[in-house]
Amino acid sequence: MNVLIILGHPRTDSLCGALADAYGAGARAAGTDVRRLDLATLDFDPDVHTPSPNQQDFEADIRAARELILWAEHLVFVYPTWWGTLPALLKGFLDRVLTPHFAFITCEGGTGYQGLLGGRSAQLITTMDTPPLIHRLVYRQPGRNAMARATLGFCGVRPVRSLVCGSVKDSTLQQRQQWIEQARRQGRALEQGRITRWEQLRHKAAAWLKAMRLQFYPMTWLAYTVGALAAFPADGVFGNPLFWIGYLCLFLGEVATVLINEVVDFPSDRNNRFFSPFTGGSRVLVEGLLSRHELQIGIAVTLAGAVASAAWLLTLTPAGTSAVLSVLGVMAILALGYTAPPLKLCYRGLGELDVALTHSIVVILCGYVFLGGAWNDPLPWLLGLPLLLAIVPSITLSGIPDLEADAAVGKRTLAVRLGQRGALWLCLVFTVLAAGATLMAQVLNMAGGAFAGIAYVVIPHAIWLAWLLRKRMESGKPPGRIDGLMAASLTYVLWFGLFPLLRLAG
């Protein structure tokens, strides 16, 4: 392991210097290759005088420091916390060293930036006069956050762990020796690897949560709950185990669907320049956070869990077995068939209709039938139709940022088939249709009054969304990120679930 220790104190004979010495000794004892930079001994201008730091000449010491950072697998920063953050020497060094195209680049996807120092971990060792607990609870660790998140994390370095030594001004010789010994032990701990088992587990769990894309699940829950409430079960809904077992079945099925999408859509996701929280997949496979084999195991486990939940559901539901199995079968075929072969509906121009169906009428039917309703009752269909119409704009819009990448791999989404302008027109039409459907439902008191009052909110939102769609058409911009438009369309969908939920629950 290559370890680079960077001493950021302007005095090398300080407590920070002793901590750097101790960490280095421990790291060498662990069998690592240790190199050190004492910033106080380097010859460089800490100020950036040009519009871009890359336009300023790099001194020999700065060039050497950049080479050492690229060489290192584990970075150790030892510095005092002054005025809550870094000393000027270390801040100036970072300003000069961590420049564009060395530490990060700008990109169209994600946050708009991509770190280039991934694959490295870091250790922060800092001294302070403020008691560490006060620094954490009162001041919220501004220096630690700046280094761990806004600087190193921004550049792709993770994990970043920290050791805080304080309060120095009130410390005894024995306390300072304990800190020095603690630094030595942390260096020696590199013998077990630079990433602990707990950190590995935590990062793997975070990767699985990212892969699941939980931001899209609330709408499914809303629609399912609307269907369950509409069935008016004698045992109630939220306190009824049947309700939660049924949702568990749907939840696991949705997880399996999302993971299948991740595997099948990998060629498109890999080339997608405009990925965002709304589009382009979770990117866990693209970024190497999970392997294809791990995702395949996840698919198998969640499918097995969905089947087990369905079996459990069948033992409790008052509905007929054939009705429950029919609804579940339709849901499974449509959901898994979105990307899974042989159907691969989203590759045939049917993906948008598939998503609109599974997240509206079909999931409402699941809630309705699971809790004892009949599938051919008009109520769940009336509840689901406006929602279906409202979903079409958001799912169609999600294909616009992906258009270029999808077209390259033969994925025939509506955005690919119709082009950006045609897709925007389709979204406009369905936005108006959804608003019209809710107005009709409100005026005619359809679905047992579940849509009472909804038009007063939906119609203004529809006008706003239609204006945004027209504005995008008139802009003439090529396909790319449309985060604001996506947010407007997704919140539009929300009303079609919230109003029936509140009316039926009341």
Protein backbone atom coordinates (compact mmCIF):
# COMPACT_ATOMS: atom_id res chain seq x y z
CA MET A 1 0.00 0.00 0.00
CA ASN A 2 1.27 3.47 -0.89
CA VAL A 3 0.68 6.01 1.91
CA LEU A 4 1.27 9.75 1.57
CA ILE A 5 1.36 11.83 4.77
CA ILE A 6 0.78 15.56 4.25
CA LEU A 7 1.72 17.75 7.22
CA GLY A 8 -0.26 20.99 6.92
CA HIS A 9 1.08 22.77 10.03
CA PRO A 10 3.37 25.72 9.29
CA ARG A 11 5.69 24.43 12.04
CA THR A 12 7.12 20.96 11.61
CA ASP A 13 8.15 20.74 15.29
CA SER A 14 4.53 21.03 16.48
CA LEU A 15 2.20 18.46 18.02
CA CYS A 16 0.92 17.88 14.47
CA GLY A 17 4.47 17.05 13.42
CA ALA A 18 4.69 14.48 16.23
CA LEU A 19 1.36 12.99 15.19
CA ALA A 20 2.56 12.72 11.58
CA ASP A 21 5.73 11.01 12.78
CA ALA A 22 3.75 8.54 14.87
CA TYR A 23 1.28 7.69 12.09
CA GLY A 24 4.17 7.18 9.68
CA ALA A 25 5.96 4.87 12.11
CA GLY A 26 2.82 2.80 12.59
CA ALA A 27 2.18 2.63 8.85
CA ARG A 28 5.74 1.48 8.14
CA ALA A 29 5.38 -1.17 10.82
CA ALA A 30 2.26 -2.31 8.96
CA GLY A 31 4.36 -2.93 5.86
CA THR A 32 3.24 0.02 3.79
CA ASP A 33 5.36 2.30 1.60
CA VAL A 34 5.24 5.70 3.29
CA ARG A 35 6.17 9.07 1.83
CA ARG A 36 5.71 12.48 3.39
CA LEU A 37 5.14 16.09 2.37
CA ASP A 38 5.82 18.84 4.91
CA LEU A 39 4.06 21.80 3.34
CA ALA A 40 6.10 24.27 5.39
CA THR A 41 9.22 23.19 3.49
CA LEU A 42 7.72 23.45 -0.01
CA ASP A 43 8.33 26.40 -2.32
CA PHE A 44 5.02 27.46 -3.91
CA ASP A 45 2.64 30.40 -4.16
CA PRO A 46 -0.54 29.47 -2.26
CA ASP A 47 -2.63 32.05 -4.15
CA VAL A 48 -4.34 31.43 -7.50
CA HIS A 49 -3.74 34.55 -9.63
CA THR A 50 -5.25 33.36 -12.92
CA PRO A 51 -8.92 32.77 -13.89
CA SER A 52 -8.22 29.03 -13.83
CA PRO A 53 -5.65 27.41 -11.54
CA ASN A 54 -4.45 25.43 -14.56
CA GLN A 55 -3.31 28.65 -16.26
CA GLN A 56 -0.82 29.36 -13.50
CA ASP A 57 2.65 27.85 -13.75
CA PHE A 58 3.10 24.88 -11.45
CA GLU A 59 6.20 25.13 -9.30
CA ALA A 60 8.46 22.08 -9.13
CA ASP A 61 7.22 21.25 -5.62
CA ILE A 62 3.58 21.42 -6.75
CA ARG A 63 4.30 19.12 -9.69
CA ALA A 64 6.07 16.68 -7.38
CA ALA A 65 3.15 16.81 -4.92
CA ARG A 66 0.67 15.99 -7.70
CA GLU A 67 2.77 12.99 -8.71
CA LEU A 68 2.80 11.77 -5.11
CA ILE A 69 -0.99 12.13 -4.83
CA LEU A 70 -1.41 10.01 -7.96
CA TRP A 71 1.06 7.48 -6.53
CA ALA A 72 -0.74 7.24 -3.18
CA GLU A 73 -3.56 4.86 -2.36
CA HIS A 74 -4.09 6.32 1.11
CA LEU A 75 -3.79 10.04 1.89
CA VAL A 76 -3.14 11.26 5.43
CA PHE A 77 -3.63 14.94 6.26
CA VAL A 78 -2.29 16.18 9.60
CA TYR A 79 -3.11 19.79 10.46
CA PRO A 80 -4.41 22.10 13.19
CA THR A 81 -8.00 23.33 13.19
CA TRP A 82 -7.80 27.11 13.27
CA TRP A 83 -10.96 29.23 13.23
CA GLY A 84 -12.95 26.07 12.70
CA THR A 85 -11.22 25.01 9.51
CA LEU A 86 -7.88 24.53 7.76
CA PRO A 87 -4.75 26.64 8.17
CA ALA A 88 -4.00 28.94 5.23
CA LEU A 89 -0.96 26.87 4.24
CA LEU A 90 -2.98 23.71 3.67
CA LYS A 91 -5.86 25.58 2.02
CA GLY A 92 -3.47 27.26 -0.40
CA PHE A 93 -1.82 23.94 -1.18
CA LEU A 94 -5.18 22.36 -2.00
CA ASP A 95 -6.12 25.35 -4.18
CA ARG A 96 -2.98 24.88 -6.23
CA VAL A 97 -2.89 21.07 -6.39
CA LEU A 98 -6.51 19.92 -6.77
CA THR A 99 -7.16 21.51 -10.14
CA PRO A 100 -9.59 20.66 -12.96
CA HIS A 101 -8.60 17.65 -15.08
CA PHE A 102 -6.33 16.47 -12.28
CA ALA A 103 -8.70 16.10 -9.33
CA PHE A 104 -12.06 16.51 -11.08
CA ILE A 105 -13.77 17.30 -14.37
CA THR A 106 -17.06 18.87 -15.30
CA CYS A 107 -19.65 16.63 -16.97
CA GLU A 108 -23.28 16.75 -18.10
CA GLY A 109 -24.55 14.05 -15.74
CA GLY A 110 -24.94 13.66 -12.00
CA THR A 111 -24.00 16.79 -10.04
CA GLY A 112 -22.20 18.23 -13.06
CA TYR A 113 -18.80 17.19 -11.68
CA GLN A 114 -16.89 13.93 -11.55
CA GLY A 115 -14.02 13.20 -9.19
CA LEU A 116 -10.83 11.80 -10.70
CA LEU A 117 -9.11 10.59 -7.52
CA GLY A 118 -11.35 7.60 -6.91
CA GLY A 119 -9.88 4.39 -5.55
CA ARG A 120 -8.13 6.29 -2.77
CA SER A 121 -8.98 6.59 0.91
CA ALA A 122 -7.96 9.26 3.41
CA GLN A 123 -7.25 9.87 7.08
CA LEU A 124 -7.62 13.28 8.73
CA ILE A 125 -5.70 13.95 11.93
CA THR A 126 -6.38 17.38 13.40
CA THR A 127 -5.65 19.22 16.62
CA MET A 128 -7.84 21.93 18.14
CA ASP A 129 -8.29 24.02 21.25
CA THR A 130 -12.08 23.75 21.10
CA PRO A 131 -13.35 20.64 22.92
CA PRO A 132 -14.20 18.11 20.17
CA LEU A 133 -17.75 17.61 21.43
CA ILE A 134 -18.43 21.37 21.24
CA HIS A 135 -16.83 21.46 17.80
CA ARG A 136 -19.13 18.66 16.64
CA LEU A 137 -22.42 19.71 18.26
CA VAL A 138 -22.20 23.50 18.24
CA TYR A 139 -20.02 24.34 15.24
CA ARG A 140 -21.01 21.23 13.18
CA GLN A 141 -17.37 20.39 12.25
CA PRO A 142 -16.92 22.90 9.41
CA GLY A 143 -13.28 22.00 8.81
CA ARG A 144 -13.91 18.27 8.80
CA ASN A 145 -16.88 18.66 6.45
CA ALA A 146 -14.86 20.89 4.13
CA MET A 147 -12.07 18.33 3.87
CA ALA A 148 -14.03 15.08 3.94
CA ARG A 149 -17.02 16.08 1.80
CA ALA A 150 -16.46 19.27 -0.15
CA THR A 151 -12.82 18.59 -1.03
CA LEU A 152 -11.71 14.96 -0.86
CA GLY A 153 -15.17 13.46 -1.33
CA PHE A 154 -15.80 15.84 -4.22
CA CYS A 155 -12.64 14.53 -5.89
CA GLY A 156 -13.73 10.90 -5.41
CA VAL A 157 -11.66 10.04 -2.32
CA ARG A 158 -13.56 7.79 0.09
CA PRO A 159 -13.80 6.71 2.77
CA VAL A 160 -12.40 9.63 4.76
CA ARG A 161 -11.99 8.91 8.46
CA SER A 162 -10.83 11.36 11.11
CA LEU A 163 -9.00 11.55 14.42
CA VAL A 164 -9.59 14.70 16.48
CA CYS A 165 -7.16 15.65 19.22
CA GLY A 166 -8.34 18.30 21.64
CA SER A 167 -8.58 20.40 23.61
CA VAL A 168 -4.83 20.93 23.15
CA LYS A 169 -4.51 24.05 25.31
CA ASP A 170 -5.86 22.20 28.35
CA SER A 171 -4.05 18.92 27.67
CA THR A 172 -1.40 17.34 29.82
CA LEU A 173 1.78 15.70 28.59
CA GLN A 174 0.19 12.33 29.25
CA GLN A 175 -2.87 13.27 27.12
CA ARG A 176 -0.65 14.40 24.23
CA GLN A 177 1.31 11.17 24.42
CA GLN A 178 -1.98 9.24 24.28
CA TRP A 179 -2.93 11.10 21.09
CA ILE A 180 0.45 10.34 19.58
CA GLU A 181 0.04 6.66 20.47
CA GLN A 182 -3.46 6.69 19.00
CA ALA A 183 -2.07 8.08 15.72
CA ARG A 184 0.59 5.36 15.70
CA ARG A 185 -2.09 2.67 16.23
CA GLN A 186 -4.16 4.03 13.37
CA GLY A 187 -1.13 3.87 11.10
CA ARG A 188 -0.45 0.30 12.26
CA ALA A 189 -4.09 -0.61 11.56
CA LEU A 190 -3.32 -0.32 7.84
CA GLU A 191 -1.94 -3.83 8.23
CA GLN A 192 -5.61 -4.93 8.09
CA GLY A 193 -6.24 -2.89 4.94
CA ARG A 194 -7.02 0.75 4.29
CA ILE A 195 -10.79 0.10 4.32
CA THR A 196 -12.24 -1.60 7.38
CA ARG A 197 -14.83 -4.37 7.20
CA TRP A 198 -17.41 -2.05 8.70
CA GLU A 199 -16.69 0.55 6.01
CA GLN A 200 -16.92 -2.12 3.32
CA LEU A 201 -20.30 -3.24 4.67
CA ARG A 202 -21.54 0.32 4.95
CA HIS A 203 -20.48 1.19 1.40
CA LYS A 204 -21.97 -2.01 0.03
CA ALA A 205 -25.25 -1.29 1.81
CA ALA A 206 -25.22 2.24 0.38
CA ALA A 207 -24.64 0.78 -3.09
CA TRP A 208 -27.64 -1.53 -2.73
CA LEU A 209 -29.83 1.35 -1.55
CA LYS A 210 -28.67 3.36 -4.56
CA ALA A 211 -29.40 0.45 -6.88
CA MET A 212 -32.95 0.15 -5.54
CA ARG A 213 -33.76 3.77 -6.53
CA LEU A 214 -36.12 4.24 -3.60
CA GLN A 215 -37.13 7.72 -4.76
CA PHE A 216 -39.65 6.15 -7.14
CA TYR A 217 -41.40 3.82 -4.66
CA PRO A 218 -43.71 6.27 -2.84
CA MET A 219 -45.95 6.58 -5.91
CA THR A 220 -46.43 2.81 -6.01
CA TRP A 221 -47.32 2.81 -2.32
CA LEU A 222 -49.79 5.66 -2.80
CA ALA A 223 -51.60 3.90 -5.66
CA TYR A 224 -51.61 0.55 -3.83
CA THR A 225 -53.00 2.22 -0.70
CA VAL A 226 -55.72 3.95 -2.72
CA GLY A 227 -56.81 0.55 -4.04
CA ALA A 228 -56.75 -0.98 -0.56
CA LEU A 229 -58.80 1.87 0.94
CA ALA A 230 -61.30 1.64 -1.90
CA ALA A 231 -61.97 -2.03 -1.01
CA PHE A 232 -63.21 -0.94 2.46
CA PRO A 233 -62.01 -4.12 4.25
CA ALA A 234 -63.76 -4.98 7.50
CA ASP A 235 -60.42 -5.20 9.32
CA GLY A 236 -59.32 -1.77 8.13
CA VAL A 237 -56.21 -1.04 6.08
CA PHE A 238 -53.15 0.27 7.93
CA GLY A 239 -53.56 -2.03 10.91
CA ASN A 240 -54.30 -5.00 8.67
CA PRO A 241 -51.34 -7.41 8.18
CA LEU A 242 -52.79 -8.37 4.81
CA PHE A 243 -52.19 -4.83 3.53
CA TRP A 244 -48.50 -4.90 4.45
CA ILE A 245 -47.89 -8.45 3.20
CA GLY A 246 -49.41 -7.47 -0.13
CA TYR A 247 -47.23 -4.37 -0.32
CA LEU A 248 -44.15 -6.41 0.60
CA CYS A 249 -44.86 -8.62 -2.40
CA LEU A 250 -45.13 -5.58 -4.68
CA PHE A 251 -42.11 -3.88 -3.12
CA LEU A 252 -39.86 -6.90 -3.69
CA GLY A 253 -41.17 -7.25 -7.22
CA GLU A 254 -40.34 -3.60 -7.89
CA VAL A 255 -36.83 -4.05 -6.49
CA ALA A 256 -36.30 -7.05 -8.79
CA THR A 257 -37.56 -5.00 -11.75
CA VAL A 258 -35.20 -2.12 -11.01
CA LEU A 259 -32.21 -4.47 -10.66
CA ILE A 260 -33.10 -6.20 -13.94
CA ASN A 261 -33.24 -2.79 -15.58
CA GLU A 262 -29.77 -2.06 -14.24
CA VAL A 263 -28.32 -5.19 -15.84
CA VAL A 264 -30.14 -5.04 -19.19
CA ASP A 265 -29.71 -1.27 -19.64
CA PHE A 266 -25.99 -1.30 -18.85
CA PRO A 267 -24.88 -0.55 -22.45
CA SER A 268 -27.15 2.49 -22.55
CA ASP A 269 -26.33 3.68 -19.02
CA ARG A 270 -22.60 3.39 -19.69
CA ASN A 271 -22.84 5.85 -22.59
CA ASN A 272 -25.43 8.16 -21.02
CA ARG A 273 -23.97 11.66 -20.66
CA PHE A 274 -27.05 13.20 -19.06
CA PHE A 275 -27.79 10.88 -16.12
CA SER A 276 -29.53 12.37 -13.10
CA PRO A 277 -31.56 11.21 -10.07
CA PHE A 278 -34.52 10.86 -12.45
CA THR A 279 -32.91 9.19 -15.47
CA GLY A 280 -30.01 7.01 -16.55
CA GLY A 281 -30.37 4.24 -13.97
CA SER A 282 -28.67 4.09 -10.59
CA ARG A 283 -25.23 3.59 -12.24
CA VAL A 284 -24.02 1.16 -9.59
CA LEU A 285 -22.87 -1.16 -12.36
CA VAL A 286 -21.33 1.65 -14.41
CA GLU A 287 -19.41 2.96 -11.39
CA GLY A 288 -18.37 -0.50 -10.22
CA LEU A 289 -20.18 -0.20 -6.89
CA LEU A 290 -21.85 -3.57 -7.52
CA SER A 291 -20.92 -6.33 -9.93
CA ARG A 292 -23.20 -7.97 -12.47
CA HIS A 293 -23.01 -11.18 -10.43
CA GLU A 294 -24.08 -9.35 -7.26
CA LEU A 295 -27.03 -7.79 -9.09
CA GLN A 296 -28.05 -11.19 -10.45
CA ILE A 297 -28.00 -12.60 -6.92
CA GLY A 298 -30.06 -9.62 -5.76
CA ILE A 299 -32.61 -10.28 -8.51
CA ALA A 300 -32.89 -13.94 -7.54
CA VAL A 301 -33.27 -13.15 -3.83
CA THR A 302 -35.90 -10.46 -4.30
CA LEU A 303 -37.88 -12.59 -6.75
CA ALA A 304 -37.81 -15.47 -4.27
CA GLY A 305 -38.98 -13.08 -1.55
CA ALA A 306 -41.78 -11.81 -3.79
CA VAL A 307 -42.95 -15.37 -4.49
CA ALA A 308 -42.84 -16.24 -0.77
CA SER A 309 -44.80 -13.06 0.07
CA ALA A 310 -47.36 -13.93 -2.59
CA ALA A 311 -47.79 -17.39 -1.11
CA TRP A 312 -48.23 -15.89 2.35
CA LEU A 313 -50.74 -13.43 0.91
CA LEU A 314 -52.81 -16.24 -0.60
CA THR A 315 -53.22 -17.85 2.81
CA LEU A 316 -54.74 -14.68 4.28
CA THR A 317 -56.64 -12.83 1.55
CA PRO A 318 -60.45 -13.07 1.53
CA ALA A 319 -60.37 -12.80 -2.28
CA GLY A 320 -60.41 -15.83 -4.53
CA THR A 321 -57.08 -17.45 -5.30
CA SER A 322 -57.60 -17.16 -9.05
CA ALA A 323 -58.32 -13.42 -8.83
CA VAL A 324 -55.22 -12.71 -6.74
CA LEU A 325 -53.00 -14.87 -8.94
CA SER A 326 -54.38 -13.21 -12.07
CA VAL A 327 -53.66 -9.69 -10.81
CA LEU A 328 -50.22 -10.71 -9.55
CA GLY A 329 -49.48 -12.49 -12.82
CA VAL A 330 -50.35 -9.43 -14.89
CA MET A 331 -48.25 -7.23 -12.62
CA ALA A 332 -45.27 -9.60 -12.78
CA ILE A 333 -45.38 -9.95 -16.57
CA LEU A 334 -45.67 -6.21 -17.18
CA ALA A 335 -43.17 -5.13 -14.51
CA LEU A 336 -40.45 -7.68 -15.22
CA GLY A 337 -41.13 -7.55 -18.94
CA TYR A 338 -40.28 -3.85 -19.03
CA THR A 339 -36.64 -4.71 -19.73
CA ALA A 340 -36.34 -8.47 -19.12
CA PRO A 341 -36.19 -10.68 -22.21
CA PRO A 342 -38.01 -11.95 -24.11
CA LEU A 343 -40.55 -9.11 -23.84
CA LYS A 344 -38.17 -6.14 -23.35
CA LEU A 345 -41.15 -3.83 -23.76
CA CYS A 346 -39.14 -0.64 -23.34
CA TYR A 347 -37.01 -1.66 -26.33
CA ARG A 348 -40.16 -2.00 -28.48
CA GLY A 349 -41.75 1.39 -27.82
CA LEU A 350 -44.16 -0.03 -25.24
CA GLY A 351 -42.23 0.82 -22.09
CA GLU A 352 -44.07 4.06 -21.35
CA LEU A 353 -47.49 2.40 -21.54
CA ASP A 354 -46.14 -0.46 -19.43
CA VAL A 355 -44.98 1.87 -16.64
CA ALA A 356 -48.18 3.90 -16.78
CA LEU A 357 -50.28 0.74 -16.40
CA THR A 358 -48.22 -0.90 -13.64
CA HIS A 359 -48.07 2.28 -11.56
CA SER A 360 -51.75 3.15 -11.87
CA ILE A 361 -54.59 0.74 -12.71
CA VAL A 362 -52.68 -2.49 -12.10
CA VAL A 363 -51.24 -1.55 -8.70
CA ILE A 364 -54.58 -0.06 -7.61
CA LEU A 365 -56.21 -3.35 -8.63
CA CYS A 366 -53.65 -5.20 -6.50
CA GLY A 367 -54.61 -3.23 -3.40
CA TYR A 368 -58.30 -3.57 -4.19
CA VAL A 369 -58.27 -7.31 -4.90
CA PHE A 370 -55.83 -8.29 -2.13
CA LEU A 371 -58.16 -6.81 0.47
CA GLY A 372 -61.29 -8.47 -0.88
CA GLY A 373 -62.54 -6.39 -3.79
CA ALA A 374 -63.53 -7.81 -7.18
CA TRP A 375 -61.28 -7.04 -10.14
CA ASN A 376 -64.24 -6.19 -12.40
CA ASP A 377 -65.69 -3.56 -10.07
CA PRO A 378 -65.61 -0.16 -11.84
CA LEU A 379 -64.18 1.72 -8.81
CA PRO A 380 -60.47 0.71 -9.11
CA TRP A 381 -60.54 1.34 -12.87
CA LEU A 382 -62.04 4.80 -12.38
CA LEU A 383 -59.42 5.59 -9.72
CA GLY A 384 -56.60 4.41 -11.96
CA LEU A 385 -57.44 6.02 -15.31
CA PRO A 386 -56.59 9.68 -14.43
CA LEU A 387 -53.40 8.48 -12.76
CA LEU A 388 -52.43 6.51 -15.87
CA LEU A 389 -52.89 9.61 -18.03
CA ALA A 390 -50.79 11.70 -15.63
CA ILE A 391 -47.91 9.20 -15.57
CA VAL A 392 -47.41 9.17 -19.35
CA PRO A 393 -45.80 12.67 -19.46
CA SER A 394 -43.24 11.94 -16.73
CA ILE A 395 -42.19 8.54 -18.06
CA THR A 396 -41.99 9.91 -21.62
CA LEU A 397 -39.93 12.89 -20.47
CA SER A 398 -37.48 10.55 -18.72
CA GLY A 399 -36.49 9.24 -22.14
CA ILE A 400 -35.31 12.65 -23.42
CA PRO A 401 -32.01 12.82 -21.47
CA ASP A 402 -31.44 9.15 -22.38
CA LEU A 403 -32.35 9.62 -26.05
CA GLU A 404 -28.83 9.62 -27.46
CA ALA A 405 -27.62 6.64 -25.42
CA ASP A 406 -30.84 4.66 -25.94
CA ALA A 407 -30.81 5.15 -29.70
CA ALA A 408 -27.22 3.94 -29.88
CA VAL A 409 -28.15 0.54 -28.40
CA GLY A 410 -31.45 0.13 -30.24
CA LYS A 411 -33.73 0.97 -27.34
CA ARG A 412 -36.90 2.26 -28.99
CA THR A 413 -38.41 4.51 -26.36
CA LEU A 414 -41.04 7.04 -27.39
CA ALA A 415 -38.39 9.76 -27.19
CA VAL A 416 -36.28 7.79 -29.68
CA ARG A 417 -39.22 7.03 -31.97
CA LEU A 418 -40.81 10.48 -31.92
CA GLY A 419 -37.75 12.65 -31.33
CA GLN A 420 -37.57 15.24 -28.60
CA ARG A 421 -40.20 17.56 -30.09
CA GLY A 422 -42.66 14.74 -30.74
CA ALA A 423 -42.18 13.40 -27.21
CA LEU A 424 -42.81 16.86 -25.76
CA TRP A 425 -46.03 17.19 -27.78
CA LEU A 426 -47.17 13.79 -26.51
CA CYS A 427 -46.47 14.91 -22.94
CA LEU A 428 -48.47 18.08 -23.51
CA VAL A 429 -51.46 16.15 -24.85
CA PHE A 430 -51.49 13.70 -21.92
CA THR A 431 -51.04 16.50 -19.40
CA VAL A 432 -54.23 18.09 -20.74
CA LEU A 433 -56.04 14.73 -20.89
CA ALA A 434 -55.17 13.98 -17.26
CA ALA A 435 -56.42 17.39 -16.13
CA GLY A 436 -59.60 16.91 -18.15
CA ALA A 437 -60.17 13.49 -16.61
CA THR A 438 -59.92 14.87 -13.08
CA LEU A 439 -62.22 17.76 -13.92
CA MET A 440 -64.79 15.29 -15.27
CA ALA A 441 -64.36 13.05 -12.23
CA GLN A 442 -64.87 16.01 -9.90
CA VAL A 443 -67.89 17.42 -11.71
CA LEU A 444 -69.61 14.03 -12.07
CA ASN A 445 -68.60 12.93 -8.54
CA MET A 446 -67.06 9.78 -9.96
CA ALA A 447 -65.25 7.09 -7.94
CA GLY A 448 -67.29 7.82 -4.84
CA GLY A 449 -66.08 11.41 -4.59
CA ALA A 450 -62.41 10.37 -4.42
CA PHE A 451 -61.46 13.22 -6.75
CA ALA A 452 -63.48 15.95 -5.04
CA GLY A 453 -61.60 19.25 -5.19
CA ILE A 454 -58.66 17.89 -7.16
CA ALA A 455 -59.28 20.04 -10.23
CA TYR A 456 -58.54 23.21 -8.24
CA VAL A 457 -54.95 22.00 -7.80
CA VAL A 458 -54.39 19.88 -10.90
CA ILE A 459 -55.56 22.40 -13.50
CA PRO A 460 -53.15 25.18 -12.36
CA HIS A 461 -50.35 22.62 -12.20
CA ALA A 462 -51.29 21.36 -15.67
CA ILE A 463 -51.16 24.92 -17.05
CA TRP A 464 -47.71 25.41 -15.49
CA LEU A 465 -46.44 22.07 -16.81
CA ALA A 466 -47.86 22.79 -20.28
CA TRP A 467 -46.07 26.16 -20.26
CA LEU A 468 -42.79 24.46 -19.34
CA LEU A 469 -43.27 21.92 -22.12
CA ARG A 470 -43.95 24.64 -24.69
CA LYS A 471 -40.97 26.61 -23.43
CA ARG A 472 -38.75 23.56 -23.93
CA MET A 473 -40.10 23.06 -27.45
CA GLU A 474 -39.45 26.67 -28.39
CA SER A 475 -35.95 26.70 -26.91
CA GLY A 476 -34.59 24.51 -29.67
CA LYS A 477 -32.15 22.92 -27.23
CA PRO A 478 -30.88 19.44 -28.12
CA PRO A 479 -31.84 16.50 -25.89
CA GLY A 480 -30.17 16.79 -22.50
CA ARG A 481 -30.91 17.18 -18.83
CA ILE A 482 -34.39 18.47 -18.01
CA ASP A 483 -34.35 18.16 -14.22
CA GLY A 484 -36.77 21.05 -13.62
CA LEU A 485 -39.25 19.70 -16.16
CA MET A 486 -38.94 16.20 -14.68
CA ALA A 487 -39.61 17.53 -11.17
CA ALA A 488 -42.68 19.42 -12.41
CA SER A 489 -44.07 16.32 -14.15
CA LEU A 490 -43.40 13.99 -11.22
CA THR A 491 -45.09 16.32 -8.72
CA TYR A 492 -48.01 16.56 -11.17
CA VAL A 493 -48.46 12.80 -10.84
CA LEU A 494 -48.45 13.08 -7.05
CA TRP A 495 -51.82 14.87 -6.91
CA PHE A 496 -53.55 11.93 -8.63
CA GLY A 497 -52.55 9.67 -5.77
CA LEU A 498 -52.74 12.07 -2.83
CA PHE A 499 -56.28 13.34 -3.37
CA PRO A 500 -57.91 9.87 -3.63
CA LEU A 501 -55.82 8.69 -0.68
CA LEU A 502 -56.94 11.54 1.56
CA ARG A 503 -60.57 11.35 0.44
CA LEU A 504 -60.83 7.59 0.92
CA ALA A 505 -58.91 7.61 4.19
CA GLY A 506 -61.16 10.35 5.55
